[in-house]
Amino acid sequence: MTTGGSPQFRVEVTRSFVKDLRKLPRKDQLRVRYALEEIAINPWAGRKVVGASQGQYRWRVGGYRIRYDIEGEAVWILRVVKREDAYRKF
């Protein structure tokens, strides 16, 4: 669901994220890309991950989780993994 407005944050993706994304079914890839647009508008709408040294925030996309960090005006997209793997160290 779009909250309206234009992206306020610059979205940067890591190699790990790109590798993860390529492994997903096409339908899920599209859902993740849509979620990235939402994250760019309001990255704080995601949930904070307690005790994480990397991937301080998570965003739910069906059975997957997008892990990311916010640094100033940039949002670093780190990984997209299945829910059961999302909270392991990476």
Protein backbone atom coordinates (compact mmCIF):
# COMPACT_ATOMS: atom_id res chain seq x y z
CA MET A 1 0.00 0.00 0.00
CA THR A 2 1.52 3.29 -1.06
CA THR A 3 1.68 6.06 1.50
CA GLY A 4 2.01 8.65 -1.24
CA GLY A 5 4.79 11.06 -1.99
CA SER A 6 8.08 10.71 -3.74
CA PRO A 7 11.07 8.78 -2.42
CA GLN A 8 12.93 10.73 0.20
CA PHE A 9 15.76 8.24 0.68
CA ARG A 10 18.34 6.86 -1.72
CA VAL A 11 18.15 3.06 -1.88
CA GLU A 12 21.52 1.28 -2.18
CA VAL A 13 21.63 -2.48 -2.67
CA THR A 14 24.46 -4.87 -1.78
CA ARG A 15 25.77 -7.76 -3.85
CA SER A 16 24.32 -10.16 -1.28
CA PHE A 17 20.87 -8.68 -1.81
CA VAL A 18 21.15 -8.95 -5.60
CA LYS A 19 22.22 -12.61 -5.29
CA ASP A 20 19.32 -13.33 -2.93
CA LEU A 21 16.84 -11.56 -5.21
CA ARG A 22 17.90 -13.54 -8.28
CA LYS A 23 17.13 -16.80 -6.45
CA LEU A 24 13.51 -15.83 -5.80
CA PRO A 25 10.59 -16.72 -8.08
CA ARG A 26 9.73 -13.92 -10.53
CA LYS A 27 6.46 -13.10 -8.73
CA ASP A 28 8.30 -12.62 -5.42
CA GLN A 29 11.02 -10.55 -7.11
CA LEU A 30 8.36 -8.10 -8.24
CA ARG A 31 6.87 -7.94 -4.75
CA VAL A 32 10.31 -7.20 -3.28
CA ARG A 33 10.92 -4.45 -5.83
CA TYR A 34 7.61 -2.86 -4.91
CA ALA A 35 8.59 -3.06 -1.23
CA LEU A 36 11.85 -1.23 -2.00
CA GLU A 37 9.78 1.69 -3.30
CA GLU A 38 7.86 1.73 -0.02
CA ILE A 39 11.08 1.56 2.00
CA ALA A 40 12.47 4.53 0.04
CA ILE A 41 9.47 6.61 1.10
CA ASN A 42 9.48 5.67 4.80
CA PRO A 43 12.18 3.22 5.95
CA TRP A 44 11.13 3.59 9.60
CA ALA A 45 7.85 1.83 8.82
CA GLY A 46 9.80 -1.43 8.98
CA ARG A 47 10.36 -3.16 12.28
CA LYS A 48 13.53 -2.74 14.29
CA VAL A 49 15.54 -5.92 14.85
CA VAL A 50 16.65 -6.12 18.48
CA GLY A 51 20.27 -7.07 19.06
CA ALA A 52 21.29 -7.04 15.40
CA SER A 53 24.72 -5.75 14.50
CA GLN A 54 23.79 -5.64 10.81
CA GLY A 55 20.37 -5.29 9.25
CA GLN A 56 18.85 -3.19 12.00
CA TYR A 57 15.46 -3.10 10.28
CA ARG A 58 13.27 -5.68 8.56
CA TRP A 59 10.41 -5.41 6.10
CA ARG A 60 7.95 -8.24 5.54
CA VAL A 61 7.18 -9.38 2.00
CA GLY A 62 5.06 -12.52 2.22
CA GLY A 63 7.28 -15.34 3.49
CA TYR A 64 10.43 -13.25 3.01
CA ARG A 65 12.15 -10.55 5.03
CA ILE A 66 14.21 -7.67 3.68
CA ARG A 67 17.00 -6.67 6.09
CA TYR A 68 18.34 -3.12 5.83
CA ASP A 69 20.13 -0.27 7.60
CA ILE A 70 19.45 3.47 7.48
CA GLU A 71 22.47 5.78 7.21
CA GLY A 72 21.57 9.44 6.79
CA GLU A 73 19.71 9.83 3.49
CA ALA A 74 20.66 6.33 2.32
CA VAL A 75 18.95 3.01 2.97
CA TRP A 76 21.31 0.06 2.53
CA ILE A 77 19.40 -3.05 1.47
CA LEU A 78 21.45 -5.97 2.80
CA ARG A 79 19.54 -9.21 2.24
CA VAL A 80 16.21 -10.72 1.29
CA VAL A 81 15.75 -14.17 2.79
CA LYS A 82 13.04 -16.59 3.85
CA ARG A 83 11.46 -15.73 7.17
CA GLU A 84 12.98 -18.70 8.98
CA ASP A 85 16.50 -17.63 7.91
CA ALA A 86 16.05 -13.90 8.48
CA TYR A 87 17.29 -13.79 12.06
CA ARG A 88 20.44 -15.85 11.69
CA LYS A 89 23.72 -13.98 11.53
CA PHE A 90 24.88 -13.16 8.05
